[in-house]
Amino acid sequence: MAGRVRVGGELVTDPARDVDERSGVEVDGRAVVPEPREVWVVNKPEGVTSTAREPGARTAVVELVDSPARVYPVGRLDADSSGLILLTNDGELANRLTHPRYGVPRAYRVRLRRRASDRALRRLREGVELEDGTTGPARVRRLGPREVEIAIREGRNRQVRRMAEAIGNEVISLRRVGFGSMRLGRLREGDARRLRGQEIERLWKDAAP
């Protein structure tokens, strides 16, 4: 309304004017362009919250990424869990990766209180009853006497921990090691790296209809 904005060379004083990246928006004669799309993978330590801002004393996961872009977490990972979490400023990709319709798998390395029997692991694979309904089929493989890897395509609150309780067990530690085609690999705890173009393309394929 101060007359500082032009769209396609035309002076615009209506703040309700719709624009996109092709509209040629200028403020005080300087072009305004969208932020470049970024996707980061972070190895989140326990105690770090999967939020864009943390009003308390704890660290927010976005503080682990060295980027001027306004990135935010793709989904959530509990503060008492560690491992792989994606951050991005691409809202469409974030929605695709987290929407139940697309069923993008998340893989977790889980240490249990007690050894789970083969029958208990079979129950996890087939689905267990929780207070908010039966879980979908899970991919489960034994890694050790009390350690398993579980891959699920749902994103319910504290789901893996509740699945363990449903078979009479308890999660001692939980680390996410995979999200779609992305794996944690050798990324050290607390570190982050920006994904390359091919890696981002694979995430889009993971979330294809």
C-alpha atoms as a PDB file:
ATOM      1  CA  MET A   1       0.000   0.000   0.000  1.00  0.00           C
ATOM      2  CA  ALA A   2       3.063   2.225   0.313  1.00  0.00           C
ATOM      3  CA  GLY A   3       3.692   1.815  -3.413  1.00  0.00           C
ATOM      4  CA  ARG A   4       6.941  -0.168  -3.021  1.00  0.00           C
ATOM      5  CA  VAL A   5       5.789  -3.343  -4.805  1.00  0.00           C
ATOM      6  CA  ARG A   6       5.614  -4.105  -8.509  1.00  0.00           C
ATOM      7  CA  VAL A   7       4.329  -7.299 -10.081  1.00  0.00           C
ATOM      8  CA  GLY A   8       5.324  -7.874 -13.690  1.00  0.00           C
ATOM      9  CA  GLY A   9       6.434  -4.238 -13.887  1.00  0.00           C
ATOM     10  CA  GLU A  10       3.038  -2.994 -12.670  1.00  0.00           C
ATOM     11  CA  LEU A  11       2.669  -1.018  -9.429  1.00  0.00           C
ATOM     12  CA  VAL A  12       0.479  -3.032  -7.049  1.00  0.00           C
ATOM     13  CA  THR A  13      -1.066  -1.648  -3.855  1.00  0.00           C
ATOM     14  CA  ASP A  14      -3.527  -4.487  -3.141  1.00  0.00           C
ATOM     15  CA  PRO A  15      -2.021  -6.898  -0.558  1.00  0.00           C
ATOM     16  CA  ALA A  16      -4.498  -9.598  -1.647  1.00  0.00           C
ATOM     17  CA  ARG A  17      -2.903  -9.879  -5.098  1.00  0.00           C
ATOM     18  CA  ASP A  18      -2.043 -13.521  -5.810  1.00  0.00           C
ATOM     19  CA  VAL A  19       1.468 -14.203  -7.094  1.00  0.00           C
ATOM     20  CA  ASP A  20       3.777 -17.143  -7.698  1.00  0.00           C
ATOM     21  CA  GLU A  21       7.447 -17.525  -8.617  1.00  0.00           C
ATOM     22  CA  ARG A  22       6.693 -16.594 -12.243  1.00  0.00           C
ATOM     23  CA  SER A  23       4.933 -13.303 -11.414  1.00  0.00           C
ATOM     24  CA  GLY A  24       8.024 -11.081 -11.352  1.00  0.00           C
ATOM     25  CA  VAL A  25       7.598  -9.555  -7.885  1.00  0.00           C
ATOM     26  CA  GLU A  26       9.845  -6.607  -6.993  1.00  0.00           C
ATOM     27  CA  VAL A  27      10.146  -4.679  -3.725  1.00  0.00           C
ATOM     28  CA  ASP A  28      11.961  -1.343  -3.930  1.00  0.00           C
ATOM     29  CA  GLY A  29      13.166  -2.379  -7.385  1.00  0.00           C
ATOM     30  CA  ARG A  30      14.736  -5.675  -6.194  1.00  0.00           C
ATOM     31  CA  ALA A  31      13.399  -9.040  -7.333  1.00  0.00           C
ATOM     32  CA  VAL A  32      11.825 -11.321  -4.746  1.00  0.00           C
ATOM     33  CA  VAL A  33      12.431 -15.019  -5.362  1.00  0.00           C
ATOM     34  CA  PRO A  34      11.464 -18.161  -3.440  1.00  0.00           C
ATOM     35  CA  GLU A  35      13.981 -19.843  -1.182  1.00  0.00           C
ATOM     36  CA  PRO A  36      15.837 -22.686  -2.908  1.00  0.00           C
ATOM     37  CA  ARG A  37      14.328 -26.014  -1.879  1.00  0.00           C
ATOM     38  CA  GLU A  38      16.468 -27.820   0.679  1.00  0.00           C
ATOM     39  CA  VAL A  39      16.264 -31.234   2.334  1.00  0.00           C
ATOM     40  CA  TRP A  40      18.540 -32.207   5.204  1.00  0.00           C
ATOM     41  CA  VAL A  41      19.071 -35.453   7.073  1.00  0.00           C
ATOM     42  CA  VAL A  42      19.908 -35.150  10.768  1.00  0.00           C
ATOM     43  CA  ASN A  43      21.022 -37.758  13.289  1.00  0.00           C
ATOM     44  CA  LYS A  44      18.991 -36.451  16.226  1.00  0.00           C
ATOM     45  CA  PRO A  45      20.330 -37.189  19.709  1.00  0.00           C
ATOM     46  CA  GLU A  46      18.031 -38.062  22.593  1.00  0.00           C
ATOM     47  CA  GLY A  47      16.753 -34.975  24.409  1.00  0.00           C
ATOM     48  CA  VAL A  48      16.512 -32.885  21.223  1.00  0.00           C
ATOM     49  CA  THR A  49      12.949 -32.008  20.222  1.00  0.00           C
ATOM     50  CA  SER A  50      11.661 -32.456  16.675  1.00  0.00           C
ATOM     51  CA  THR A  51      10.306 -28.920  16.502  1.00  0.00           C
ATOM     52  CA  ALA A  52      11.191 -25.740  14.650  1.00  0.00           C
ATOM     53  CA  ARG A  53      11.337 -23.810  17.931  1.00  0.00           C
ATOM     54  CA  GLU A  54      11.807 -24.935  21.509  1.00  0.00           C
ATOM     55  CA  PRO A  55      10.690 -22.454  24.189  1.00  0.00           C
ATOM     56  CA  GLY A  56      12.284 -24.477  27.003  1.00  0.00           C
ATOM     57  CA  ALA A  57      15.872 -25.349  27.803  1.00  0.00           C
ATOM     58  CA  ARG A  58      16.062 -28.244  25.349  1.00  0.00           C
ATOM     59  CA  THR A  59      17.525 -27.964  21.848  1.00  0.00           C
ATOM     60  CA  ALA A  60      15.251 -27.911  18.795  1.00  0.00           C
ATOM     61  CA  VAL A  61      16.380 -30.142  15.931  1.00  0.00           C
ATOM     62  CA  VAL A  62      16.508 -27.217  13.469  1.00  0.00           C
ATOM     63  CA  GLU A  63      19.388 -25.781  15.537  1.00  0.00           C
ATOM     64  CA  LEU A  64      21.529 -28.693  14.315  1.00  0.00           C
ATOM     65  CA  VAL A  65      21.277 -27.540  10.681  1.00  0.00           C
ATOM     66  CA  ASP A  66      23.520 -24.775   9.347  1.00  0.00           C
ATOM     67  CA  SER A  67      21.181 -23.193   6.821  1.00  0.00           C
ATOM     68  CA  PRO A  68      19.616 -19.744   6.403  1.00  0.00           C
ATOM     69  CA  ALA A  69      16.494 -21.403   4.964  1.00  0.00           C
ATOM     70  CA  ARG A  70      13.401 -21.808   7.130  1.00  0.00           C
ATOM     71  CA  VAL A  71      13.483 -25.578   7.363  1.00  0.00           C
ATOM     72  CA  TYR A  72      11.225 -27.599   9.620  1.00  0.00           C
ATOM     73  CA  PRO A  73      10.969 -31.288  10.595  1.00  0.00           C
ATOM     74  CA  VAL A  74       9.243 -33.824   8.371  1.00  0.00           C
ATOM     75  CA  GLY A  75       7.021 -35.558  10.899  1.00  0.00           C
ATOM     76  CA  ARG A  76       8.093 -36.131  14.469  1.00  0.00           C
ATOM     77  CA  LEU A  77      10.600 -38.170  16.414  1.00  0.00           C
ATOM     78  CA  ASP A  78      10.103 -38.288  20.175  1.00  0.00           C
ATOM     79  CA  ALA A  79      12.564 -36.403  22.358  1.00  0.00           C
ATOM     80  CA  ASP A  80      13.498 -39.691  24.081  1.00  0.00           C
ATOM     81  CA  SER A  81      14.262 -41.310  20.710  1.00  0.00           C
ATOM     82  CA  SER A  82      17.263 -40.737  18.467  1.00  0.00           C
ATOM     83  CA  GLY A  83      18.225 -41.158  14.849  1.00  0.00           C
ATOM     84  CA  LEU A  84      17.164 -40.085  11.392  1.00  0.00           C
ATOM     85  CA  ILE A  85      14.898 -37.102  10.906  1.00  0.00           C
ATOM     86  CA  LEU A  86      14.452 -35.091   7.721  1.00  0.00           C
ATOM     87  CA  LEU A  87      14.205 -31.294   7.625  1.00  0.00           C
ATOM     88  CA  THR A  88      13.012 -29.306   4.632  1.00  0.00           C
ATOM     89  CA  ASN A  89      11.421 -26.080   3.430  1.00  0.00           C
ATOM     90  CA  ASP A  90       9.514 -27.977   0.716  1.00  0.00           C
ATOM     91  CA  GLY A  91       5.990 -28.269   2.073  1.00  0.00           C
ATOM     92  CA  GLU A  92       4.721 -30.482  -0.742  1.00  0.00           C
ATOM     93  CA  LEU A  93       7.477 -33.056  -0.245  1.00  0.00           C
ATOM     94  CA  ALA A  94       7.004 -32.999   3.537  1.00  0.00           C
ATOM     95  CA  ASN A  95       3.281 -33.623   3.131  1.00  0.00           C
ATOM     96  CA  ARG A  96       3.870 -36.503   0.715  1.00  0.00           C
ATOM     97  CA  LEU A  97       6.373 -38.184   3.015  1.00  0.00           C
ATOM     98  CA  THR A  98       4.112 -38.017   6.072  1.00  0.00           C
ATOM     99  CA  HIS A  99       0.617 -38.480   4.620  1.00  0.00           C
ATOM    100  CA  PRO A 100      -0.855 -41.923   5.462  1.00  0.00           C
ATOM    101  CA  ARG A 101      -2.067 -42.263   1.868  1.00  0.00           C
ATOM    102  CA  TYR A 102       1.487 -42.756   0.606  1.00  0.00           C
ATOM    103  CA  GLY A 103       2.635 -45.144   3.336  1.00  0.00           C
ATOM    104  CA  VAL A 104       6.321 -44.213   3.259  1.00  0.00           C
ATOM    105  CA  PRO A 105       8.104 -46.694   5.574  1.00  0.00           C
ATOM    106  CA  ARG A 106      10.143 -45.696   8.625  1.00  0.00           C
ATOM    107  CA  ALA A 107      12.658 -48.173  10.053  1.00  0.00           C
ATOM    108  CA  TYR A 108      13.654 -48.289  13.728  1.00  0.00           C
ATOM    109  CA  ARG A 109      16.423 -50.097  15.584  1.00  0.00           C
ATOM    110  CA  VAL A 110      14.846 -51.136  18.899  1.00  0.00           C
ATOM    111  CA  ARG A 111      16.396 -52.510  22.082  1.00  0.00           C
ATOM    112  CA  LEU A 112      13.865 -54.332  24.248  1.00  0.00           C
ATOM    113  CA  ARG A 113      13.719 -55.009  27.982  1.00  0.00           C
ATOM    114  CA  ARG A 114      13.380 -58.770  27.416  1.00  0.00           C
ATOM    115  CA  ARG A 115      13.967 -61.168  24.569  1.00  0.00           C
ATOM    116  CA  ALA A 116      10.960 -61.280  22.271  1.00  0.00           C
ATOM    117  CA  SER A 117       9.809 -64.738  21.242  1.00  0.00           C
ATOM    118  CA  ASP A 118       9.330 -65.710  17.611  1.00  0.00           C
ATOM    119  CA  ARG A 119       5.585 -65.719  18.270  1.00  0.00           C
ATOM    120  CA  ALA A 120       5.728 -62.145  19.599  1.00  0.00           C
ATOM    121  CA  LEU A 121       7.636 -60.963  16.528  1.00  0.00           C
ATOM    122  CA  ARG A 122       5.086 -62.704  14.316  1.00  0.00           C
ATOM    123  CA  ARG A 123       2.333 -60.744  16.087  1.00  0.00           C
ATOM    124  CA  LEU A 124       4.158 -57.496  15.318  1.00  0.00           C
ATOM    125  CA  ARG A 125       4.428 -58.473  11.651  1.00  0.00           C
ATOM    126  CA  GLU A 126       0.720 -59.262  11.416  1.00  0.00           C
ATOM    127  CA  GLY A 127      -0.504 -56.274  13.456  1.00  0.00           C
ATOM    128  CA  VAL A 128      -1.287 -55.782  17.132  1.00  0.00           C
ATOM    129  CA  GLU A 129      -4.272 -54.166  18.799  1.00  0.00           C
ATOM    130  CA  LEU A 130      -3.687 -50.677  20.251  1.00  0.00           C
ATOM    131  CA  GLU A 131      -6.191 -48.321  21.865  1.00  0.00           C
ATOM    132  CA  ASP A 132      -6.488 -46.425  18.560  1.00  0.00           C
ATOM    133  CA  GLY A 133      -6.916 -49.533  16.408  1.00  0.00           C
ATOM    134  CA  THR A 134      -4.967 -52.439  14.976  1.00  0.00           C
ATOM    135  CA  THR A 135      -1.570 -51.645  13.489  1.00  0.00           C
ATOM    136  CA  GLY A 136      -0.819 -52.425   9.885  1.00  0.00           C
ATOM    137  CA  PRO A 137       1.618 -55.161   8.876  1.00  0.00           C
ATOM    138  CA  ALA A 138       5.202 -54.416   9.916  1.00  0.00           C
ATOM    139  CA  ARG A 139       8.538 -55.673   8.670  1.00  0.00           C
ATOM    140  CA  VAL A 140      10.407 -57.138  11.647  1.00  0.00           C
ATOM    141  CA  ARG A 141      13.804 -58.811  11.809  1.00  0.00           C
ATOM    142  CA  ARG A 142      15.788 -59.970  14.788  1.00  0.00           C
ATOM    143  CA  LEU A 143      19.244 -58.413  15.221  1.00  0.00           C
ATOM    144  CA  GLY A 144      20.164 -59.874  18.596  1.00  0.00           C
ATOM    145  CA  PRO A 145      18.677 -61.455  21.726  1.00  0.00           C
ATOM    146  CA  ARG A 146      16.929 -58.195  22.709  1.00  0.00           C
ATOM    147  CA  GLU A 147      17.373 -56.100  19.582  1.00  0.00           C
ATOM    148  CA  VAL A 148      15.101 -55.915  16.528  1.00  0.00           C
ATOM    149  CA  GLU A 149      14.550 -53.703  13.515  1.00  0.00           C
ATOM    150  CA  ILE A 150      10.950 -52.702  12.853  1.00  0.00           C
ATOM    151  CA  ALA A 151       9.712 -50.939   9.717  1.00  0.00           C
ATOM    152  CA  ILE A 152       6.193 -49.458   9.735  1.00  0.00           C
ATOM    153  CA  ARG A 153       4.176 -47.398   7.260  1.00  0.00           C
ATOM    154  CA  GLU A 154       2.102 -45.578   9.864  1.00  0.00           C
ATOM    155  CA  GLY A 155       2.967 -42.554  11.979  1.00  0.00           C
ATOM    156  CA  ARG A 156       0.910 -42.900  15.136  1.00  0.00           C
ATOM    157  CA  ASN A 157       2.073 -41.285  18.346  1.00  0.00           C
ATOM    158  CA  ARG A 158       4.782 -43.394  20.043  1.00  0.00           C
ATOM    159  CA  GLN A 159       3.642 -46.312  17.929  1.00  0.00           C
ATOM    160  CA  VAL A 160       6.688 -48.591  18.167  1.00  0.00           C
ATOM    161  CA  ARG A 161       6.824 -48.235  21.946  1.00  0.00           C
ATOM    162  CA  ARG A 162       3.149 -49.084  22.216  1.00  0.00           C
ATOM    163  CA  MET A 163       3.573 -52.059  19.879  1.00  0.00           C
ATOM    164  CA  ALA A 164       6.261 -53.413  22.195  1.00  0.00           C
ATOM    165  CA  GLU A 165       3.925 -53.007  25.178  1.00  0.00           C
ATOM    166  CA  ALA A 166       1.203 -54.878  23.268  1.00  0.00           C
ATOM    167  CA  ILE A 167       3.424 -57.986  23.174  1.00  0.00           C
ATOM    168  CA  GLY A 168       4.287 -57.661  26.869  1.00  0.00           C
ATOM    169  CA  ASN A 169       7.667 -56.038  26.380  1.00  0.00           C
ATOM    170  CA  GLU A 170       9.213 -52.582  26.761  1.00  0.00           C
ATOM    171  CA  VAL A 171      11.458 -50.387  24.613  1.00  0.00           C
ATOM    172  CA  ILE A 172      14.728 -49.454  26.308  1.00  0.00           C
ATOM    173  CA  SER A 173      16.107 -47.436  23.406  1.00  0.00           C
ATOM    174  CA  LEU A 174      14.774 -46.519  19.990  1.00  0.00           C
ATOM    175  CA  ARG A 175      16.728 -45.157  17.042  1.00  0.00           C
ATOM    176  CA  ARG A 176      15.256 -44.406  13.634  1.00  0.00           C
ATOM    177  CA  VAL A 177      17.616 -45.704  10.966  1.00  0.00           C
ATOM    178  CA  GLY A 178      15.538 -45.307   7.809  1.00  0.00           C
ATOM    179  CA  PHE A 179      12.912 -43.061   6.216  1.00  0.00           C
ATOM    180  CA  GLY A 180      11.829 -44.304   2.799  1.00  0.00           C
ATOM    181  CA  SER A 181      14.988 -44.891   0.754  1.00  0.00           C
ATOM    182  CA  MET A 182      17.068 -42.684   3.062  1.00  0.00           C
ATOM    183  CA  ARG A 183      19.256 -44.501   5.601  1.00  0.00           C
ATOM    184  CA  LEU A 184      21.130 -43.052   8.547  1.00  0.00           C
ATOM    185  CA  GLY A 185      24.385 -44.658   7.474  1.00  0.00           C
ATOM    186  CA  ARG A 186      27.533 -43.317   9.144  1.00  0.00           C
ATOM    187  CA  LEU A 187      26.177 -39.866   9.969  1.00  0.00           C
ATOM    188  CA  ARG A 188      27.352 -39.126  13.491  1.00  0.00           C
ATOM    189  CA  GLU A 189      24.920 -38.268  16.259  1.00  0.00           C
ATOM    190  CA  GLY A 190      24.199 -34.536  16.276  1.00  0.00           C
ATOM    191  CA  ASP A 191      25.439 -34.045  12.704  1.00  0.00           C
ATOM    192  CA  ALA A 192      23.448 -33.058   9.620  1.00  0.00           C
ATOM    193  CA  ARG A 193      24.042 -33.048   5.878  1.00  0.00           C
ATOM    194  CA  ARG A 194      22.147 -31.580   2.949  1.00  0.00           C
ATOM    195  CA  LEU A 195      20.764 -34.123   0.511  1.00  0.00           C
ATOM    196  CA  ARG A 196      21.864 -34.179  -3.108  1.00  0.00           C
ATOM    197  CA  GLY A 197      19.479 -33.944  -6.027  1.00  0.00           C
ATOM    198  CA  GLN A 198      19.391 -37.696  -6.710  1.00  0.00           C
ATOM    199  CA  GLU A 199      18.608 -38.438  -3.071  1.00  0.00           C
ATOM    200  CA  ILE A 200      15.704 -35.985  -3.131  1.00  0.00           C
ATOM    201  CA  GLU A 201      14.421 -37.557  -6.356  1.00  0.00           C
ATOM    202  CA  ARG A 202      14.390 -40.954  -4.624  1.00  0.00           C
ATOM    203  CA  LEU A 203      12.323 -39.497  -1.760  1.00  0.00           C
ATOM    204  CA  TRP A 204       9.780 -38.229  -4.287  1.00  0.00           C
ATOM    205  CA  LYS A 205       9.632 -41.740  -5.757  1.00  0.00           C
ATOM    206  CA  ASP A 206       9.166 -43.179  -2.261  1.00  0.00           C
ATOM    207  CA  ALA A 207       6.061 -40.990  -1.898  1.00  0.00           C
ATOM    208  CA  ALA A 208       4.658 -41.651  -5.381  1.00  0.00           C
ATOM    209  CA  PRO A 209       0.893 -42.359  -5.480  1.00  0.00           C
END
